[in-house]
Amino acid sequence: MSDKPGASGTPEDRRITDLGTLKAFGHPLRQKLYRSLYVRRRATASQLAEEVDGAVSLVSYHLRKLAEHGLIEEAPGAQRGDGRERWWQPAQEGLSLHRRDFEDAPEKLAAHTAVARTIVDQRTDAYLRYLDEQPAWSPEWQSAAVGADFLLRLTAAELAALSDEVRAVVRRYADSGNAAHEAGDAEGRENVALHLYGFPFRT
């Protein structure tokens, strides 16, 4: 599984392979802060505290923990106002987690599963929040939003190929949107979350 909230102008995705970093990222509040920071691209602890409805001191603590593991970094050249508050940004374009990197010990595998479940829970919460807020969006956005379930008969190789093709399409739209954002073209643009799962199952 992967978590890929990419950010313009940052290095390529980072694959988390060590237990310490996995646990650091696995905290539910830290995952929310990382995702919010990606969407904003740059933010202070005060700004993020408002988003997650938390105390600035607590948010600052968790941001420092993310920074200790190289998941976020201080934004270069950002304005600090009175000089006391840091601006942060993601340290890479996205993060990826792979089960096979943690299969050598039960503790590692349990930690990976717990983090993966938290990621899925937060994605589900985000979609449920959209459903609750759906009437507030314009008819155009309501029509554009998608919720679909496709049941296919594939080999493992075909599923891997399908995943690669979908990623390529998403990357094309992401690059286009990021370029427009950098050019100041914000007309009609909103943050969009696209969640896709592909996995085998037996009836």
C-alpha atoms as a PDB file:
ATOM      1  CA  MET A   1       0.000   0.000   0.000  1.00  0.00           C
ATOM      2  CA  SER A   2       1.131   3.546  -0.409  1.00  0.00           C
ATOM      3  CA  ASP A   3       0.369   7.022   0.770  1.00  0.00           C
ATOM      4  CA  LYS A   4       1.191   9.491  -1.970  1.00  0.00           C
ATOM      5  CA  PRO A   5       0.099  13.033  -1.228  1.00  0.00           C
ATOM      6  CA  GLY A   6       2.717  14.514  -3.584  1.00  0.00           C
ATOM      7  CA  ALA A   7       4.007  18.051  -3.304  1.00  0.00           C
ATOM      8  CA  SER A   8       5.433  20.223  -6.043  1.00  0.00           C
ATOM      9  CA  GLY A   9       9.112  21.050  -5.822  1.00  0.00           C
ATOM     10  CA  THR A  10      10.080  18.242  -3.422  1.00  0.00           C
ATOM     11  CA  PRO A  11      12.205  15.123  -4.063  1.00  0.00           C
ATOM     12  CA  GLU A  12      10.776  11.806  -5.258  1.00  0.00           C
ATOM     13  CA  ASP A  13       8.709   9.473  -3.074  1.00  0.00           C
ATOM     14  CA  ARG A  14      10.334   8.005  -0.007  1.00  0.00           C
ATOM     15  CA  ARG A  15       9.859   4.345   0.764  1.00  0.00           C
ATOM     16  CA  ILE A  16       9.631   3.766   4.504  1.00  0.00           C
ATOM     17  CA  THR A  17      11.526   0.592   5.388  1.00  0.00           C
ATOM     18  CA  ASP A  18      12.591   1.006   9.038  1.00  0.00           C
ATOM     19  CA  LEU A  19      10.414   0.371  12.067  1.00  0.00           C
ATOM     20  CA  GLY A  20      11.310   3.635  13.811  1.00  0.00           C
ATOM     21  CA  THR A  21      10.110   5.811  10.947  1.00  0.00           C
ATOM     22  CA  LEU A  22       7.045   3.625  10.453  1.00  0.00           C
ATOM     23  CA  LYS A  23       6.040   4.093  14.094  1.00  0.00           C
ATOM     24  CA  ALA A  24       6.764   7.809  13.925  1.00  0.00           C
ATOM     25  CA  PHE A  25       4.450   8.183  10.950  1.00  0.00           C
ATOM     26  CA  GLY A  26       1.891   5.750  12.357  1.00  0.00           C
ATOM     27  CA  HIS A  27       0.533   8.097  15.008  1.00  0.00           C
ATOM     28  CA  PRO A  28      -2.984   9.128  13.801  1.00  0.00           C
ATOM     29  CA  LEU A  29      -2.445  12.833  14.511  1.00  0.00           C
ATOM     30  CA  ARG A  30       0.903  12.826  12.709  1.00  0.00           C
ATOM     31  CA  GLN A  31      -0.725  11.289   9.656  1.00  0.00           C
ATOM     32  CA  LYS A  32      -3.340  14.054   9.670  1.00  0.00           C
ATOM     33  CA  LEU A  33      -0.655  16.702  10.068  1.00  0.00           C
ATOM     34  CA  TYR A  34       1.416  15.254   7.234  1.00  0.00           C
ATOM     35  CA  ARG A  35      -1.574  15.184   4.893  1.00  0.00           C
ATOM     36  CA  SER A  36      -2.657  18.707   5.844  1.00  0.00           C
ATOM     37  CA  LEU A  37       0.890  19.932   5.357  1.00  0.00           C
ATOM     38  CA  TYR A  38       1.004  18.388   1.905  1.00  0.00           C
ATOM     39  CA  VAL A  39      -2.232  20.072   0.875  1.00  0.00           C
ATOM     40  CA  ARG A  40      -0.982  23.455   2.116  1.00  0.00           C
ATOM     41  CA  ARG A  41       2.579  22.756   0.883  1.00  0.00           C
ATOM     42  CA  ARG A  42       3.899  25.039   3.613  1.00  0.00           C
ATOM     43  CA  ALA A  43       2.391  25.766   7.019  1.00  0.00           C
ATOM     44  CA  THR A  44       3.128  26.683  10.611  1.00  0.00           C
ATOM     45  CA  ALA A  45       2.154  24.747  13.704  1.00  0.00           C
ATOM     46  CA  SER A  46      -0.490  27.386  14.464  1.00  0.00           C
ATOM     47  CA  GLN A  47      -2.116  26.972  11.038  1.00  0.00           C
ATOM     48  CA  LEU A  48      -2.115  23.185  11.291  1.00  0.00           C
ATOM     49  CA  ALA A  49      -3.439  23.290  14.865  1.00  0.00           C
ATOM     50  CA  GLU A  50      -6.527  25.108  13.594  1.00  0.00           C
ATOM     51  CA  GLU A  51      -7.117  22.384  10.997  1.00  0.00           C
ATOM     52  CA  VAL A  52      -6.842  19.474  13.412  1.00  0.00           C
ATOM     53  CA  ASP A  53      -8.441  21.358  16.315  1.00  0.00           C
ATOM     54  CA  GLY A  54      -5.454  20.767  18.590  1.00  0.00           C
ATOM     55  CA  ALA A  55      -3.175  22.724  20.874  1.00  0.00           C
ATOM     56  CA  VAL A  56      -0.270  24.466  19.131  1.00  0.00           C
ATOM     57  CA  SER A  57       2.211  23.019  21.623  1.00  0.00           C
ATOM     58  CA  LEU A  58       1.003  19.460  20.922  1.00  0.00           C
ATOM     59  CA  VAL A  59       1.065  19.993  17.152  1.00  0.00           C
ATOM     60  CA  SER A  60       4.582  21.456  17.380  1.00  0.00           C
ATOM     61  CA  TYR A  61       5.730  18.374  19.292  1.00  0.00           C
ATOM     62  CA  HIS A  62       4.382  15.986  16.664  1.00  0.00           C
ATOM     63  CA  LEU A  63       5.817  18.062  13.820  1.00  0.00           C
ATOM     64  CA  ARG A  64       9.254  17.857  15.431  1.00  0.00           C
ATOM     65  CA  LYS A  65       8.892  14.076  15.656  1.00  0.00           C
ATOM     66  CA  LEU A  66       8.066  13.895  11.950  1.00  0.00           C
ATOM     67  CA  ALA A  67      11.081  16.092  11.234  1.00  0.00           C
ATOM     68  CA  GLU A  68      13.373  13.890  13.335  1.00  0.00           C
ATOM     69  CA  HIS A  69      12.661  11.039  10.941  1.00  0.00           C
ATOM     70  CA  GLY A  70      13.064  13.170   7.827  1.00  0.00           C
ATOM     71  CA  LEU A  71       9.385  13.082   6.881  1.00  0.00           C
ATOM     72  CA  ILE A  72       9.019  16.867   6.970  1.00  0.00           C
ATOM     73  CA  GLU A  73      11.536  19.703   7.002  1.00  0.00           C
ATOM     74  CA  GLU A  74      11.762  23.391   7.685  1.00  0.00           C
ATOM     75  CA  ALA A  75      10.678  25.348   4.606  1.00  0.00           C
ATOM     76  CA  PRO A  76      13.614  27.316   3.203  1.00  0.00           C
ATOM     77  CA  GLY A  77      13.090  31.039   2.736  1.00  0.00           C
ATOM     78  CA  ALA A  78       9.648  31.034   4.380  1.00  0.00           C
ATOM     79  CA  GLN A  79       8.601  34.124   6.291  1.00  0.00           C
ATOM     80  CA  ARG A  80       8.638  33.623  10.048  1.00  0.00           C
ATOM     81  CA  GLY A  81       6.760  36.733  11.115  1.00  0.00           C
ATOM     82  CA  ASP A  82       8.131  37.491  14.552  1.00  0.00           C
ATOM     83  CA  GLY A  83      10.852  34.885  14.045  1.00  0.00           C
ATOM     84  CA  ARG A  84       9.551  32.479  16.667  1.00  0.00           C
ATOM     85  CA  GLU A  85       7.424  30.105  14.564  1.00  0.00           C
ATOM     86  CA  ARG A  86       8.778  27.671  12.002  1.00  0.00           C
ATOM     87  CA  TRP A  87       7.292  26.983   8.595  1.00  0.00           C
ATOM     88  CA  TRP A  88       7.261  23.328   7.578  1.00  0.00           C
ATOM     89  CA  GLN A  89       6.944  21.416   4.311  1.00  0.00           C
ATOM     90  CA  PRO A  90       7.004  17.723   3.269  1.00  0.00           C
ATOM     91  CA  ALA A  91      10.553  16.461   2.766  1.00  0.00           C
ATOM     92  CA  GLN A  92       9.591  14.314  -0.239  1.00  0.00           C
ATOM     93  CA  GLU A  93       6.918  14.062  -2.899  1.00  0.00           C
ATOM     94  CA  GLY A  94       5.135  11.238  -1.142  1.00  0.00           C
ATOM     95  CA  LEU A  95       5.526   8.216   1.092  1.00  0.00           C
ATOM     96  CA  SER A  96       5.138   4.550   0.257  1.00  0.00           C
ATOM     97  CA  LEU A  97       4.765   1.587   2.581  1.00  0.00           C
ATOM     98  CA  HIS A  98       5.222  -2.020   1.455  1.00  0.00           C
ATOM     99  CA  ARG A  99       4.292  -5.009   3.568  1.00  0.00           C
ATOM    100  CA  ARG A 100       7.226  -7.070   2.321  1.00  0.00           C
ATOM    101  CA  ASP A 101       9.671  -4.606   3.941  1.00  0.00           C
ATOM    102  CA  PHE A 102       8.380  -5.580   7.403  1.00  0.00           C
ATOM    103  CA  GLU A 103       7.767  -9.328   7.088  1.00  0.00           C
ATOM    104  CA  ASP A 104      11.027 -10.362   8.779  1.00  0.00           C
ATOM    105  CA  ALA A 105       9.655  -9.913  12.311  1.00  0.00           C
ATOM    106  CA  PRO A 106       6.166 -10.197  13.853  1.00  0.00           C
ATOM    107  CA  GLU A 107       6.518  -6.821  15.606  1.00  0.00           C
ATOM    108  CA  LYS A 108       7.330  -5.094  12.327  1.00  0.00           C
ATOM    109  CA  LEU A 109       4.470  -6.766  10.498  1.00  0.00           C
ATOM    110  CA  ALA A 110       1.992  -5.854  13.248  1.00  0.00           C
ATOM    111  CA  ALA A 111       3.171  -2.222  13.140  1.00  0.00           C
ATOM    112  CA  HIS A 112       2.767  -2.090   9.349  1.00  0.00           C
ATOM    113  CA  THR A 113      -0.744  -3.502   9.560  1.00  0.00           C
ATOM    114  CA  ALA A 114      -1.708  -1.003  12.263  1.00  0.00           C
ATOM    115  CA  VAL A 115      -0.406   1.945  10.229  1.00  0.00           C
ATOM    116  CA  ALA A 116      -2.130   0.671   7.080  1.00  0.00           C
ATOM    117  CA  ARG A 117      -5.445   0.401   8.929  1.00  0.00           C
ATOM    118  CA  THR A 118      -5.088   3.949  10.276  1.00  0.00           C
ATOM    119  CA  ILE A 119      -4.455   5.272   6.766  1.00  0.00           C
ATOM    120  CA  VAL A 120      -7.566   3.513   5.462  1.00  0.00           C
ATOM    121  CA  ASP A 121      -9.635   4.748   8.410  1.00  0.00           C
ATOM    122  CA  GLN A 122      -8.619   8.354   7.751  1.00  0.00           C
ATOM    123  CA  ARG A 123      -9.368   8.031   4.041  1.00  0.00           C
ATOM    124  CA  THR A 124     -12.801   6.613   4.883  1.00  0.00           C
ATOM    125  CA  ASP A 125     -13.453   9.449   7.320  1.00  0.00           C
ATOM    126  CA  ALA A 126     -12.570  11.976   4.620  1.00  0.00           C
ATOM    127  CA  TYR A 127     -15.063  10.429   2.187  1.00  0.00           C
ATOM    128  CA  LEU A 128     -17.806  10.233   4.814  1.00  0.00           C
ATOM    129  CA  ARG A 129     -17.207  13.911   5.590  1.00  0.00           C
ATOM    130  CA  TYR A 130     -17.643  14.695   1.896  1.00  0.00           C
ATOM    131  CA  LEU A 131     -20.946  12.795   1.846  1.00  0.00           C
ATOM    132  CA  ASP A 132     -22.170  14.855   4.799  1.00  0.00           C
ATOM    133  CA  GLU A 133     -21.056  18.097   3.132  1.00  0.00           C
ATOM    134  CA  GLN A 134     -22.117  17.121  -0.399  1.00  0.00           C
ATOM    135  CA  PRO A 135     -25.170  19.438  -0.539  1.00  0.00           C
ATOM    136  CA  ALA A 136     -22.877  22.429  -0.024  1.00  0.00           C
ATOM    137  CA  TRP A 137     -20.948  21.691  -3.235  1.00  0.00           C
ATOM    138  CA  SER A 138     -22.123  22.882  -6.637  1.00  0.00           C
ATOM    139  CA  PRO A 139     -23.996  20.497  -8.977  1.00  0.00           C
ATOM    140  CA  GLU A 140     -20.879  20.418 -11.189  1.00  0.00           C
ATOM    141  CA  TRP A 141     -18.705  19.131  -8.367  1.00  0.00           C
ATOM    142  CA  GLN A 142     -21.353  16.687  -7.174  1.00  0.00           C
ATOM    143  CA  SER A 143     -21.570  15.243 -10.687  1.00  0.00           C
ATOM    144  CA  ALA A 144     -17.777  15.098 -11.031  1.00  0.00           C
ATOM    145  CA  ALA A 145     -17.268  13.224  -7.754  1.00  0.00           C
ATOM    146  CA  VAL A 146     -16.988   9.475  -8.159  1.00  0.00           C
ATOM    147  CA  GLY A 147     -17.644   6.485  -5.954  1.00  0.00           C
ATOM    148  CA  ALA A 148     -17.277   3.193  -7.802  1.00  0.00           C
ATOM    149  CA  ASP A 149     -16.652  -0.480  -7.147  1.00  0.00           C
ATOM    150  CA  PHE A 150     -15.248  -2.607  -9.984  1.00  0.00           C
ATOM    151  CA  LEU A 151     -15.106  -6.385  -9.638  1.00  0.00           C
ATOM    152  CA  LEU A 152     -12.616  -7.937 -12.084  1.00  0.00           C
ATOM    153  CA  ARG A 153     -11.075 -11.317 -12.868  1.00  0.00           C
ATOM    154  CA  LEU A 154      -7.311 -10.713 -13.137  1.00  0.00           C
ATOM    155  CA  THR A 155      -3.940 -12.319 -12.595  1.00  0.00           C
ATOM    156  CA  ALA A 156      -1.478 -10.757 -10.159  1.00  0.00           C
ATOM    157  CA  ALA A 157       0.536  -9.473 -13.126  1.00  0.00           C
ATOM    158  CA  GLU A 158      -2.531  -7.874 -14.687  1.00  0.00           C
ATOM    159  CA  LEU A 159      -3.438  -6.155 -11.408  1.00  0.00           C
ATOM    160  CA  ALA A 160       0.120  -4.800 -11.145  1.00  0.00           C
ATOM    161  CA  ALA A 161      -0.060  -3.509 -14.723  1.00  0.00           C
ATOM    162  CA  LEU A 162      -3.450  -1.897 -14.092  1.00  0.00           C
ATOM    163  CA  SER A 163      -2.047  -0.190 -10.996  1.00  0.00           C
ATOM    164  CA  ASP A 164       0.897   1.188 -12.974  1.00  0.00           C
ATOM    165  CA  GLU A 165      -1.405   2.545 -15.694  1.00  0.00           C
ATOM    166  CA  VAL A 166      -3.700   4.234 -13.166  1.00  0.00           C
ATOM    167  CA  ARG A 167      -0.717   5.824 -11.411  1.00  0.00           C
ATOM    168  CA  ALA A 168       0.536   7.179 -14.739  1.00  0.00           C
ATOM    169  CA  VAL A 169      -2.839   8.777 -15.477  1.00  0.00           C
ATOM    170  CA  VAL A 170      -3.084  10.276 -11.983  1.00  0.00           C
ATOM    171  CA  ARG A 171       0.476  11.603 -12.225  1.00  0.00           C
ATOM    172  CA  ARG A 172      -0.371  13.340 -15.511  1.00  0.00           C
ATOM    173  CA  TYR A 173      -3.302  15.167 -13.945  1.00  0.00           C
ATOM    174  CA  ALA A 174      -1.300  15.926 -10.783  1.00  0.00           C
ATOM    175  CA  ASP A 175       1.545  17.450 -12.794  1.00  0.00           C
ATOM    176  CA  SER A 176      -0.916  19.543 -14.798  1.00  0.00           C
ATOM    177  CA  GLY A 177      -2.658  20.775 -11.654  1.00  0.00           C
ATOM    178  CA  ASN A 178       0.623  21.575  -9.917  1.00  0.00           C
ATOM    179  CA  ALA A 179       1.858  23.510 -12.940  1.00  0.00           C
ATOM    180  CA  ALA A 180      -1.362  25.535 -13.039  1.00  0.00           C
ATOM    181  CA  HIS A 181      -1.075  26.219  -9.312  1.00  0.00           C
ATOM    182  CA  GLU A 182       2.503  27.443  -9.665  1.00  0.00           C
ATOM    183  CA  ALA A 183       1.376  29.709 -12.507  1.00  0.00           C
ATOM    184  CA  GLY A 184      -1.321  31.237 -10.315  1.00  0.00           C
ATOM    185  CA  ASP A 185      -4.189  29.594 -12.204  1.00  0.00           C
ATOM    186  CA  ALA A 186      -6.559  28.745  -9.341  1.00  0.00           C
ATOM    187  CA  GLU A 187      -9.826  29.399 -11.184  1.00  0.00           C
ATOM    188  CA  GLY A 188     -12.251  26.547 -10.570  1.00  0.00           C
ATOM    189  CA  ARG A 189      -9.650  24.386  -8.804  1.00  0.00           C
ATOM    190  CA  GLU A 190     -10.217  22.578  -5.504  1.00  0.00           C
ATOM    191  CA  ASN A 191      -8.260  20.008  -3.527  1.00  0.00           C
ATOM    192  CA  VAL A 192      -9.334  16.566  -4.737  1.00  0.00           C
ATOM    193  CA  ALA A 193      -8.767  13.244  -2.950  1.00  0.00           C
ATOM    194  CA  LEU A 194      -8.673  10.140  -5.154  1.00  0.00           C
ATOM    195  CA  HIS A 195      -8.654   6.844  -3.245  1.00  0.00           C
ATOM    196  CA  LEU A 196      -8.212   3.607  -5.156  1.00  0.00           C
ATOM    197  CA  TYR A 197      -7.858   0.090  -3.787  1.00  0.00           C
ATOM    198  CA  GLY A 198      -7.127  -3.033  -5.773  1.00  0.00           C
ATOM    199  CA  PHE A 199      -6.895  -6.326  -3.896  1.00  0.00           C
ATOM    200  CA  PRO A 200      -7.780 -10.028  -4.310  1.00  0.00           C
ATOM    201  CA  PHE A 201     -10.692 -11.629  -2.494  1.00  0.00           C
ATOM    202  CA  ARG A 202     -12.517 -14.943  -2.475  1.00  0.00           C
ATOM    203  CA  THR A 203     -16.252 -15.479  -2.052  1.00  0.00           C
END
